[in-house]
Amino acid sequence: MVAMTQISAFNTALDMFKTDNGIYPAGTNGLNDLVVMPSGMTNWHQYLDEIPVDPWGHPYIYEFPGKLRPDSYELRSAGPDGKIGTADDILYWKVPKK
């Protein structure tokens, strides 16, 4: 599934960001920090070329710290219905690790 592949790519990039910078990108706009260097970062690399939308044309939702997982980030696709919190959401912790 395309969304799971994209979420796996985000997970890899976010982990690399944390390894390089000691923290995950903060806030709800943190995925942009994988493409454009945020101010104050000294060991940043471009982790992704672009931030794709999910297969249904919706932006992925990222937040750090997470509401359900305050010690980590939350990343999801709203799924086909485009609504967060419904049964078709694709959550990053449900994506199988390779």
N, C-alpha and C. Protein backbone atom coordinates (compact mmCIF):
# COMPACT_ATOMS: atom_id res chain seq x y z
N MET A 1 0.84 -1.18 0.00
CA MET A 1 0.00 0.00 0.00
C MET A 1 0.88 1.24 0.00
N VAL A 2 0.55 2.20 -0.82
CA VAL A 2 1.35 3.41 -0.99
C VAL A 2 1.48 4.17 0.32
N ALA A 3 0.40 4.34 1.06
CA ALA A 3 0.46 5.10 2.31
C ALA A 3 1.43 4.45 3.30
N MET A 4 1.43 3.15 3.39
CA MET A 4 2.34 2.47 4.32
C MET A 4 3.79 2.63 3.88
N THR A 5 4.03 2.61 2.59
CA THR A 5 5.39 2.83 2.08
C THR A 5 5.85 4.24 2.38
N GLN A 6 4.98 5.22 2.16
CA GLN A 6 5.35 6.61 2.45
C GLN A 6 5.57 6.81 3.95
N ILE A 7 4.73 6.23 4.78
CA ILE A 7 4.89 6.36 6.23
C ILE A 7 6.20 5.72 6.67
N SER A 8 6.55 4.58 6.08
CA SER A 8 7.83 3.94 6.41
C SER A 8 9.00 4.85 6.04
N ALA A 9 8.90 5.53 4.89
CA ALA A 9 9.95 6.47 4.48
C ALA A 9 10.04 7.64 5.46
N PHE A 10 8.88 8.16 5.90
CA PHE A 10 8.89 9.22 6.91
C PHE A 10 9.55 8.72 8.20
N ASN A 11 9.20 7.51 8.63
CA ASN A 11 9.78 6.96 9.86
C ASN A 11 11.30 6.91 9.78
N THR A 12 11.81 6.44 8.66
CA THR A 12 13.27 6.37 8.47
C THR A 12 13.88 7.76 8.52
N ALA A 13 13.29 8.70 7.80
CA ALA A 13 13.81 10.08 7.77
C ALA A 13 13.73 10.72 9.15
N LEU A 14 12.63 10.51 9.87
CA LEU A 14 12.49 11.08 11.22
C LEU A 14 13.52 10.49 12.17
N ASP A 15 13.78 9.20 12.08
CA ASP A 15 14.80 8.58 12.93
C ASP A 15 16.19 9.11 12.60
N MET A 16 16.48 9.33 11.31
CA MET A 16 17.76 9.90 10.93
C MET A 16 17.89 11.33 11.45
N PHE A 17 16.80 12.10 11.36
CA PHE A 17 16.80 13.47 11.89
C PHE A 17 17.13 13.44 13.37
N LYS A 18 16.48 12.55 14.11
CA LYS A 18 16.73 12.47 15.55
C LYS A 18 18.17 12.04 15.84
N THR A 19 18.70 11.09 15.09
CA THR A 19 20.09 10.67 15.27
C THR A 19 21.04 11.84 15.06
N ASP A 20 20.80 12.62 14.03
CA ASP A 20 21.68 13.74 13.72
C ASP A 20 21.52 14.93 14.66
N ASN A 21 20.30 15.17 15.15
CA ASN A 21 20.01 16.40 15.88
C ASN A 21 19.61 16.19 17.34
N GLY A 22 19.43 14.95 17.76
CA GLY A 22 19.12 14.66 19.16
C GLY A 22 17.66 14.76 19.52
N ILE A 23 16.83 15.24 18.62
CA ILE A 23 15.39 15.37 18.87
C ILE A 23 14.65 15.12 17.56
N TYR A 24 13.36 14.82 17.70
CA TYR A 24 12.50 14.78 16.52
C TYR A 24 12.06 16.20 16.19
N PRO A 25 11.70 16.47 14.94
CA PRO A 25 11.16 17.79 14.62
C PRO A 25 9.94 18.07 15.50
N ALA A 26 9.85 19.28 16.00
CA ALA A 26 8.78 19.64 16.94
C ALA A 26 7.56 20.20 16.24
N GLY A 27 6.42 20.08 16.91
CA GLY A 27 5.20 20.71 16.45
C GLY A 27 4.43 19.87 15.44
N THR A 28 3.49 20.54 14.79
CA THR A 28 2.64 19.87 13.82
C THR A 28 3.14 20.06 12.39
N ASN A 29 4.12 20.92 12.21
CA ASN A 29 4.67 21.19 10.88
C ASN A 29 6.05 20.56 10.72
N GLY A 30 6.36 19.60 11.59
CA GLY A 30 7.71 19.04 11.64
C GLY A 30 8.15 18.28 10.41
N LEU A 31 7.24 17.76 9.62
CA LEU A 31 7.67 17.05 8.42
C LEU A 31 8.43 17.98 7.48
N ASN A 32 8.09 19.25 7.47
CA ASN A 32 8.82 20.20 6.62
C ASN A 32 10.28 20.31 7.02
N ASP A 33 10.59 20.02 8.29
CA ASP A 33 11.98 20.06 8.75
C ASP A 33 12.82 18.96 8.12
N LEU A 34 12.19 18.00 7.47
CA LEU A 34 12.92 16.95 6.77
C LEU A 34 13.36 17.40 5.39
N VAL A 35 12.76 18.49 4.91
CA VAL A 35 13.05 19.01 3.57
C VAL A 35 13.82 20.33 3.64
N VAL A 36 13.45 21.20 4.58
CA VAL A 36 14.06 22.51 4.72
C VAL A 36 14.67 22.62 6.11
N MET A 37 15.92 23.06 6.18
CA MET A 37 16.62 23.12 7.46
C MET A 37 15.95 24.11 8.41
N PRO A 38 15.58 23.63 9.61
CA PRO A 38 15.03 24.55 10.60
C PRO A 38 16.16 25.37 11.23
N SER A 39 15.82 26.54 11.73
CA SER A 39 16.84 27.39 12.34
C SER A 39 17.40 26.71 13.58
N GLY A 40 18.65 26.93 13.82
CA GLY A 40 19.30 26.41 15.01
C GLY A 40 19.87 25.01 14.89
N MET A 41 19.65 24.34 13.78
CA MET A 41 20.18 22.99 13.61
C MET A 41 21.60 23.08 13.04
N THR A 42 22.52 22.35 13.63
CA THR A 42 23.91 22.40 13.16
C THR A 42 24.34 21.11 12.46
N ASN A 43 23.59 20.04 12.63
CA ASN A 43 23.97 18.76 12.02
C ASN A 43 22.86 18.24 11.11
N TRP A 44 22.15 19.17 10.47
CA TRP A 44 21.00 18.82 9.63
C TRP A 44 21.46 18.39 8.25
N HIS A 45 20.73 17.44 7.67
CA HIS A 45 20.90 17.03 6.29
C HIS A 45 19.51 17.04 5.65
N GLN A 46 19.43 17.15 4.37
CA GLN A 46 18.13 17.05 3.72
C GLN A 46 17.73 15.58 3.74
N TYR A 47 16.65 15.27 4.43
CA TYR A 47 16.24 13.89 4.65
C TYR A 47 15.26 13.38 3.60
N LEU A 48 14.50 14.28 3.02
CA LEU A 48 13.56 13.95 1.94
C LEU A 48 13.61 15.07 0.91
N ASP A 49 13.28 14.73 -0.34
CA ASP A 49 13.23 15.75 -1.39
C ASP A 49 11.95 16.56 -1.33
N GLU A 50 10.87 15.90 -0.88
CA GLU A 50 9.57 16.57 -0.80
C GLU A 50 8.71 15.83 0.21
N ILE A 51 7.63 16.47 0.62
CA ILE A 51 6.65 15.85 1.51
C ILE A 51 5.43 15.51 0.66
N PRO A 52 5.26 14.23 0.36
CA PRO A 52 4.11 13.86 -0.48
C PRO A 52 2.80 13.90 0.31
N VAL A 53 1.71 13.98 -0.40
CA VAL A 53 0.40 13.81 0.21
C VAL A 53 0.08 12.32 0.18
N ASP A 54 -0.92 11.92 0.96
CA ASP A 54 -1.28 10.51 0.98
C ASP A 54 -1.98 10.14 -0.34
N PRO A 55 -2.22 8.86 -0.57
CA PRO A 55 -2.81 8.45 -1.85
C PRO A 55 -4.18 9.04 -2.15
N TRP A 56 -4.83 9.62 -1.15
CA TRP A 56 -6.16 10.20 -1.33
C TRP A 56 -6.10 11.72 -1.44
N GLY A 57 -4.87 12.26 -1.55
CA GLY A 57 -4.69 13.69 -1.75
C GLY A 57 -4.70 14.52 -0.49
N HIS A 58 -4.58 13.89 0.68
CA HIS A 58 -4.59 14.60 1.96
C HIS A 58 -3.18 14.67 2.53
N PRO A 59 -2.87 15.74 3.25
CA PRO A 59 -1.55 15.80 3.88
C PRO A 59 -1.46 14.77 5.02
N TYR A 60 -0.26 14.26 5.22
CA TYR A 60 -0.02 13.42 6.39
C TYR A 60 -0.04 14.30 7.63
N ILE A 61 -0.47 13.74 8.73
CA ILE A 61 -0.57 14.49 9.99
C ILE A 61 0.56 14.03 10.90
N TYR A 62 1.40 14.98 11.30
CA TYR A 62 2.55 14.71 12.16
C TYR A 62 2.44 15.61 13.38
N GLU A 63 2.84 15.07 14.53
CA GLU A 63 2.88 15.88 15.75
C GLU A 63 3.93 15.31 16.69
N PHE A 64 4.76 16.19 17.21
CA PHE A 64 5.71 15.83 18.26
C PHE A 64 5.75 16.97 19.26
N PRO A 65 5.56 16.67 20.54
CA PRO A 65 5.25 15.35 21.08
C PRO A 65 3.82 14.94 20.73
N GLY A 66 3.62 13.64 20.68
CA GLY A 66 2.30 13.12 20.33
C GLY A 66 1.33 13.21 21.50
N LYS A 67 0.07 13.31 21.19
CA LYS A 67 -0.96 13.35 22.23
C LYS A 67 -1.16 11.98 22.86
N LEU A 68 -1.17 10.94 22.03
CA LEU A 68 -1.35 9.58 22.54
C LEU A 68 -0.03 8.97 22.97
N ARG A 69 1.06 9.45 22.39
CA ARG A 69 2.40 8.94 22.69
C ARG A 69 3.32 10.13 22.95
N PRO A 70 3.25 10.74 24.15
CA PRO A 70 4.01 11.97 24.41
C PRO A 70 5.53 11.79 24.37
N ASP A 71 6.01 10.57 24.45
CA ASP A 71 7.45 10.34 24.39
C ASP A 71 7.95 10.15 22.96
N SER A 72 7.04 10.20 21.99
CA SER A 72 7.40 9.98 20.60
C SER A 72 6.53 10.88 19.72
N TYR A 73 6.69 10.70 18.42
CA TYR A 73 5.86 11.46 17.48
C TYR A 73 4.67 10.62 17.05
N GLU A 74 3.68 11.29 16.52
CA GLU A 74 2.52 10.63 15.93
C GLU A 74 2.46 11.02 14.46
N LEU A 75 2.26 10.04 13.62
CA LEU A 75 2.21 10.25 12.19
C LEU A 75 1.10 9.38 11.64
N ARG A 76 0.24 9.98 10.84
CA ARG A 76 -0.88 9.21 10.29
C ARG A 76 -1.38 9.81 8.99
N SER A 77 -2.08 8.96 8.28
CA SER A 77 -2.87 9.37 7.13
C SER A 77 -4.32 9.30 7.59
N ALA A 78 -5.13 10.24 7.15
CA ALA A 78 -6.55 10.23 7.50
C ALA A 78 -7.31 9.16 6.72
N GLY A 79 -6.63 8.50 5.80
CA GLY A 79 -7.27 7.43 5.04
C GLY A 79 -8.21 7.97 3.97
N PRO A 80 -8.93 7.07 3.33
CA PRO A 80 -9.80 7.46 2.21
C PRO A 80 -10.87 8.49 2.56
N ASP A 81 -11.38 8.45 3.80
CA ASP A 81 -12.46 9.40 4.13
C ASP A 81 -11.93 10.79 4.48
N GLY A 82 -10.61 10.95 4.67
CA GLY A 82 -10.03 12.26 4.95
C GLY A 82 -10.30 12.80 6.34
N LYS A 83 -10.87 11.97 7.22
CA LYS A 83 -11.22 12.41 8.58
C LYS A 83 -10.33 11.70 9.60
N ILE A 84 -9.71 12.49 10.46
CA ILE A 84 -8.86 11.93 11.52
C ILE A 84 -9.73 11.29 12.60
N GLY A 85 -9.25 10.17 13.10
CA GLY A 85 -9.94 9.51 14.20
C GLY A 85 -10.99 8.51 13.79
N THR A 86 -11.00 8.13 12.52
CA THR A 86 -11.96 7.13 12.06
C THR A 86 -11.23 5.81 11.79
N ALA A 87 -11.99 4.78 11.55
CA ALA A 87 -11.44 3.43 11.43
C ALA A 87 -10.48 3.26 10.25
N ASP A 88 -10.55 4.13 9.24
CA ASP A 88 -9.66 3.95 8.09
C ASP A 88 -8.35 4.71 8.21
N ASP A 89 -8.10 5.37 9.35
CA ASP A 89 -6.82 6.05 9.55
C ASP A 89 -5.69 5.03 9.46
N ILE A 90 -4.56 5.47 8.94
CA ILE A 90 -3.37 4.64 8.88
C ILE A 90 -2.36 5.26 9.84
N LEU A 91 -2.08 4.57 10.93
CA LEU A 91 -1.21 5.09 11.98
C LEU A 91 0.19 4.53 11.84
N TYR A 92 1.19 5.34 12.16
CA TYR A 92 2.56 4.90 11.91
C TYR A 92 2.95 3.69 12.73
N TRP A 93 2.40 3.50 13.90
CA TRP A 93 2.82 2.36 14.71
C TRP A 93 2.17 1.06 14.26
N LYS A 94 1.28 1.11 13.28
CA LYS A 94 0.70 -0.10 12.71
C LYS A 94 1.44 -0.55 11.44
N VAL A 95 2.40 0.25 10.99
CA VAL A 95 3.13 -0.10 9.79
C VAL A 95 4.17 -1.14 10.17
N PRO A 96 4.21 -2.28 9.48
CA PRO A 96 5.19 -3.30 9.82
C PRO A 96 6.62 -2.82 9.56
N LYS A 97 7.50 -3.11 10.49
CA LYS A 97 8.91 -2.76 10.32
C LYS A 97 9.55 -3.76 9.38
N LYS A 98 10.47 -3.29 8.55
CA LYS A 98 11.16 -4.19 7.60
C LYS A 98 12.44 -4.66 8.20
